[in-house]
């Protein structure tokens, strides 16, 4: 007999308990890492280092994409779309740019990604993101 308290399938989400902490800085840190790794890749002739650079860059680009998608799907709401009509377009382009960075060693693609993350950050800040999602200083 099936136990109604035991799920029959497992699902995954960004957070099992929505914490309400969203910040484009997470995406930016990963994207900056991709940029620096591409620089190291392009400056090196060491094939082992270059292979490691590709592996790590692909991982970081995927994390960048994840953080962009979490902001897009979980933080931004319909009222933000009214204030920022290009919100979906910018997030879609940023997600696509993260995929391009994952696929290439082109510094220009990494620069484009960083610029799109900056646009997302501007919308996040203008929507009250820091006040809504960051912990305020707590007196100890």
C-alpha atoms as a PDB file:
ATOM      1  CA  UNK A   1       0.000   0.000   0.000  1.00  0.00           C
ATOM      2  CA  UNK A   2       1.271   3.473  -0.908  1.00  0.00           C
ATOM      3  CA  UNK A   3       2.179   5.821   1.934  1.00  0.00           C
ATOM      4  CA  UNK A   4       0.525   9.235   1.197  1.00  0.00           C
ATOM      5  CA  UNK A   5       3.313  11.020   3.090  1.00  0.00           C
ATOM      6  CA  UNK A   6       6.077   9.519   0.972  1.00  0.00           C
ATOM      7  CA  UNK A   7       6.419  11.089  -2.477  1.00  0.00           C
ATOM      8  CA  UNK A   8       6.268   8.749  -5.454  1.00  0.00           C
ATOM      9  CA  UNK A   9       8.743  10.840  -7.419  1.00  0.00           C
ATOM     10  CA  UNK A  10      11.496  13.238  -6.571  1.00  0.00           C
ATOM     11  CA  UNK A  11      11.629  16.741  -8.042  1.00  0.00           C
ATOM     12  CA  UNK A  12      14.368  19.352  -7.880  1.00  0.00           C
ATOM     13  CA  UNK A  13      14.235  23.128  -7.658  1.00  0.00           C
ATOM     14  CA  UNK A  14      16.622  26.033  -7.113  1.00  0.00           C
ATOM     15  CA  UNK A  15      15.707  25.856  -3.467  1.00  0.00           C
ATOM     16  CA  UNK A  16      13.585  23.357  -1.587  1.00  0.00           C
ATOM     17  CA  UNK A  17      12.577  26.222   0.670  1.00  0.00           C
ATOM     18  CA  UNK A  18      12.456  29.513  -1.257  1.00  0.00           C
ATOM     19  CA  UNK A  19      14.898  31.638   0.721  1.00  0.00           C
ATOM     20  CA  UNK A  20      14.165  34.895  -1.087  1.00  0.00           C
ATOM     21  CA  UNK A  21      17.860  35.643  -1.564  1.00  0.00           C
ATOM     22  CA  UNK A  22      18.510  36.635  -5.177  1.00  0.00           C
ATOM     23  CA  UNK A  23      21.507  38.613  -6.403  1.00  0.00           C
ATOM     24  CA  UNK A  24      23.034  39.053  -9.877  1.00  0.00           C
ATOM     25  CA  UNK A  25      26.442  39.101  -8.166  1.00  0.00           C
ATOM     26  CA  UNK A  26      26.355  35.285  -8.183  1.00  0.00           C
ATOM     27  CA  UNK A  27      26.063  35.234 -11.983  1.00  0.00           C
ATOM     28  CA  UNK A  28      28.672  37.982 -12.355  1.00  0.00           C
ATOM     29  CA  UNK A  29      31.283  36.175 -10.252  1.00  0.00           C
ATOM     30  CA  UNK A  30      30.901  33.022 -12.354  1.00  0.00           C
ATOM     31  CA  UNK A  31      30.989  35.039 -15.614  1.00  0.00           C
ATOM     32  CA  UNK A  32      34.114  36.923 -14.487  1.00  0.00           C
ATOM     33  CA  UNK A  33      35.701  33.562 -13.744  1.00  0.00           C
ATOM     34  CA  UNK A  34      34.906  32.489 -17.326  1.00  0.00           C
ATOM     35  CA  UNK A  35      36.497  35.668 -18.662  1.00  0.00           C
ATOM     36  CA  UNK A  36      39.708  35.156 -16.692  1.00  0.00           C
ATOM     37  CA  UNK A  37      39.867  31.473 -17.606  1.00  0.00           C
ATOM     38  CA  UNK A  38      39.517  32.340 -21.307  1.00  0.00           C
ATOM     39  CA  UNK A  39      42.412  34.798 -20.909  1.00  0.00           C
ATOM     40  CA  UNK A  40      44.557  32.066 -19.321  1.00  0.00           C
ATOM     41  CA  UNK A  41      43.521  29.580 -22.023  1.00  0.00           C
ATOM     42  CA  UNK A  42      44.447  31.991 -24.822  1.00  0.00           C
ATOM     43  CA  UNK A  43      47.791  32.887 -23.186  1.00  0.00           C
ATOM     44  CA  UNK A  44      48.939  29.303 -22.679  1.00  0.00           C
ATOM     45  CA  UNK A  45      50.416  26.649 -24.949  1.00  0.00           C
ATOM     46  CA  UNK A  46      50.273  23.999 -22.208  1.00  0.00           C
ATOM     47  CA  UNK A  47      47.699  21.503 -23.479  1.00  0.00           C
ATOM     48  CA  UNK A  48      46.953  20.118 -20.017  1.00  0.00           C
ATOM     49  CA  UNK A  49      46.265  23.609 -18.643  1.00  0.00           C
ATOM     50  CA  UNK A  50      44.136  24.437 -21.684  1.00  0.00           C
ATOM     51  CA  UNK A  51      42.073  21.265 -21.213  1.00  0.00           C
ATOM     52  CA  UNK A  52      41.543  22.119 -17.541  1.00  0.00           C
ATOM     53  CA  UNK A  53      40.550  25.668 -18.521  1.00  0.00           C
ATOM     54  CA  UNK A  54      37.885  24.343 -20.888  1.00  0.00           C
ATOM     55  CA  UNK A  55      36.481  22.012 -18.251  1.00  0.00           C
ATOM     56  CA  UNK A  56      36.284  24.676 -15.541  1.00  0.00           C
ATOM     57  CA  UNK A  57      35.001  27.377 -17.934  1.00  0.00           C
ATOM     58  CA  UNK A  58      32.150  25.128 -19.073  1.00  0.00           C
ATOM     59  CA  UNK A  59      31.210  24.424 -15.456  1.00  0.00           C
ATOM     60  CA  UNK A  60      31.311  28.130 -14.537  1.00  0.00           C
ATOM     61  CA  UNK A  61      29.320  29.125 -17.627  1.00  0.00           C
ATOM     62  CA  UNK A  62      26.632  26.613 -16.685  1.00  0.00           C
ATOM     63  CA  UNK A  63      26.516  28.096 -13.167  1.00  0.00           C
ATOM     64  CA  UNK A  64      26.240  31.579 -14.689  1.00  0.00           C
ATOM     65  CA  UNK A  65      23.290  30.426 -16.749  1.00  0.00           C
ATOM     66  CA  UNK A  66      21.702  28.832 -13.678  1.00  0.00           C
ATOM     67  CA  UNK A  67      21.973  32.049 -11.639  1.00  0.00           C
ATOM     68  CA  UNK A  68      20.532  34.117 -14.505  1.00  0.00           C
ATOM     69  CA  UNK A  69      17.628  31.697 -14.844  1.00  0.00           C
ATOM     70  CA  UNK A  70      16.918  31.741 -11.102  1.00  0.00           C
ATOM     71  CA  UNK A  71      16.699  35.541 -11.146  1.00  0.00           C
ATOM     72  CA  UNK A  72      14.564  35.498 -14.281  1.00  0.00           C
ATOM     73  CA  UNK A  73      12.159  32.814 -13.099  1.00  0.00           C
ATOM     74  CA  UNK A  74      12.071  33.293  -9.331  1.00  0.00           C
ATOM     75  CA  UNK A  75      12.874  36.920  -8.515  1.00  0.00           C
ATOM     76  CA  UNK A  76      11.390  38.936 -11.367  1.00  0.00           C
ATOM     77  CA  UNK A  77       7.590  39.191 -11.323  1.00  0.00           C
ATOM     78  CA  UNK A  78       4.949  40.541 -13.772  1.00  0.00           C
ATOM     79  CA  UNK A  79       5.127  44.004 -12.183  1.00  0.00           C
ATOM     80  CA  UNK A  80       8.841  44.121 -13.041  1.00  0.00           C
ATOM     81  CA  UNK A  81       8.018  43.410 -16.671  1.00  0.00           C
ATOM     82  CA  UNK A  82       5.762  46.474 -16.701  1.00  0.00           C
ATOM     83  CA  UNK A  83       8.650  48.604 -15.424  1.00  0.00           C
ATOM     84  CA  UNK A  84      11.271  46.910 -17.632  1.00  0.00           C
ATOM     85  CA  UNK A  85       9.667  45.895 -20.942  1.00  0.00           C
ATOM     86  CA  UNK A  86      12.965  44.423 -22.189  1.00  0.00           C
ATOM     87  CA  UNK A  87      13.387  42.200 -19.098  1.00  0.00           C
ATOM     88  CA  UNK A  88      12.594  38.924 -20.863  1.00  0.00           C
ATOM     89  CA  UNK A  89      14.751  39.831 -23.853  1.00  0.00           C
ATOM     90  CA  UNK A  90      17.753  40.755 -21.693  1.00  0.00           C
ATOM     91  CA  UNK A  91      17.478  37.591 -19.565  1.00  0.00           C
ATOM     92  CA  UNK A  92      17.012  35.417 -22.669  1.00  0.00           C
ATOM     93  CA  UNK A  93      20.040  37.017 -24.348  1.00  0.00           C
ATOM     94  CA  UNK A  94      22.109  36.608 -21.166  1.00  0.00           C
ATOM     95  CA  UNK A  95      21.198  32.933 -20.941  1.00  0.00           C
ATOM     96  CA  UNK A  96      22.124  32.459 -24.608  1.00  0.00           C
ATOM     97  CA  UNK A  97      25.369  34.396 -24.056  1.00  0.00           C
ATOM     98  CA  UNK A  98      26.265  32.073 -21.164  1.00  0.00           C
ATOM     99  CA  UNK A  99      25.744  29.145 -23.527  1.00  0.00           C
ATOM    100  CA  UNK A 100      28.045  30.799 -26.090  1.00  0.00           C
ATOM    101  CA  UNK A 101      30.721  31.298 -23.437  1.00  0.00           C
ATOM    102  CA  UNK A 102      30.370  27.641 -22.517  1.00  0.00           C
ATOM    103  CA  UNK A 103      30.906  26.654 -26.164  1.00  0.00           C
ATOM    104  CA  UNK A 104      33.790  28.974 -27.094  1.00  0.00           C
ATOM    105  CA  UNK A 105      37.007  30.588 -25.926  1.00  0.00           C
ATOM    106  CA  UNK A 106      36.005  33.984 -27.328  1.00  0.00           C
ATOM    107  CA  UNK A 107      36.725  36.899 -24.960  1.00  0.00           C
ATOM    108  CA  UNK A 108      34.184  39.054 -26.802  1.00  0.00           C
ATOM    109  CA  UNK A 109      31.451  36.536 -25.944  1.00  0.00           C
ATOM    110  CA  UNK A 110      32.498  36.737 -22.276  1.00  0.00           C
ATOM    111  CA  UNK A 111      32.429  40.568 -22.421  1.00  0.00           C
ATOM    112  CA  UNK A 112      28.947  40.480 -23.941  1.00  0.00           C
ATOM    113  CA  UNK A 113      27.774  38.172 -21.152  1.00  0.00           C
ATOM    114  CA  UNK A 114      29.166  40.513 -18.485  1.00  0.00           C
ATOM    115  CA  UNK A 115      27.396  43.469 -20.120  1.00  0.00           C
ATOM    116  CA  UNK A 116      24.069  41.622 -20.098  1.00  0.00           C
ATOM    117  CA  UNK A 117      24.529  40.662 -16.447  1.00  0.00           C
ATOM    118  CA  UNK A 118      25.139  44.356 -15.721  1.00  0.00           C
ATOM    119  CA  UNK A 119      21.776  45.163 -17.373  1.00  0.00           C
ATOM    120  CA  UNK A 120      20.054  42.522 -15.235  1.00  0.00           C
ATOM    121  CA  UNK A 121      21.770  44.002 -12.184  1.00  0.00           C
ATOM    122  CA  UNK A 122      20.468  47.489 -13.074  1.00  0.00           C
ATOM    123  CA  UNK A 123      16.898  46.156 -13.294  1.00  0.00           C
ATOM    124  CA  UNK A 124      17.338  44.202 -10.067  1.00  0.00           C
ATOM    125  CA  UNK A 125      18.593  47.300  -8.239  1.00  0.00           C
ATOM    126  CA  UNK A 126      15.881  49.542  -9.709  1.00  0.00           C
ATOM    127  CA  UNK A 127      13.239  47.027  -8.585  1.00  0.00           C
ATOM    128  CA  UNK A 128      14.489  47.163  -4.994  1.00  0.00           C
ATOM    129  CA  UNK A 129      16.435  43.917  -5.218  1.00  0.00           C
ATOM    130  CA  UNK A 130      19.072  44.732  -2.596  1.00  0.00           C
ATOM    131  CA  UNK A 131      16.469  45.817  -0.046  1.00  0.00           C
ATOM    132  CA  UNK A 132      14.133  42.924  -0.805  1.00  0.00           C
ATOM    133  CA  UNK A 133      16.622  40.092  -0.971  1.00  0.00           C
ATOM    134  CA  UNK A 134      19.732  40.910   1.069  1.00  0.00           C
ATOM    135  CA  UNK A 135      19.930  40.532   4.800  1.00  0.00           C
ATOM    136  CA  UNK A 136      20.258  43.859   6.487  1.00  0.00           C
ATOM    137  CA  UNK A 137      23.081  44.304   8.987  1.00  0.00           C
ATOM    138  CA  UNK A 138      22.207  42.478  12.172  1.00  0.00           C
ATOM    139  CA  UNK A 139      23.514  43.765  15.485  1.00  0.00           C
ATOM    140  CA  UNK A 140      25.255  41.043  17.447  1.00  0.00           C
END
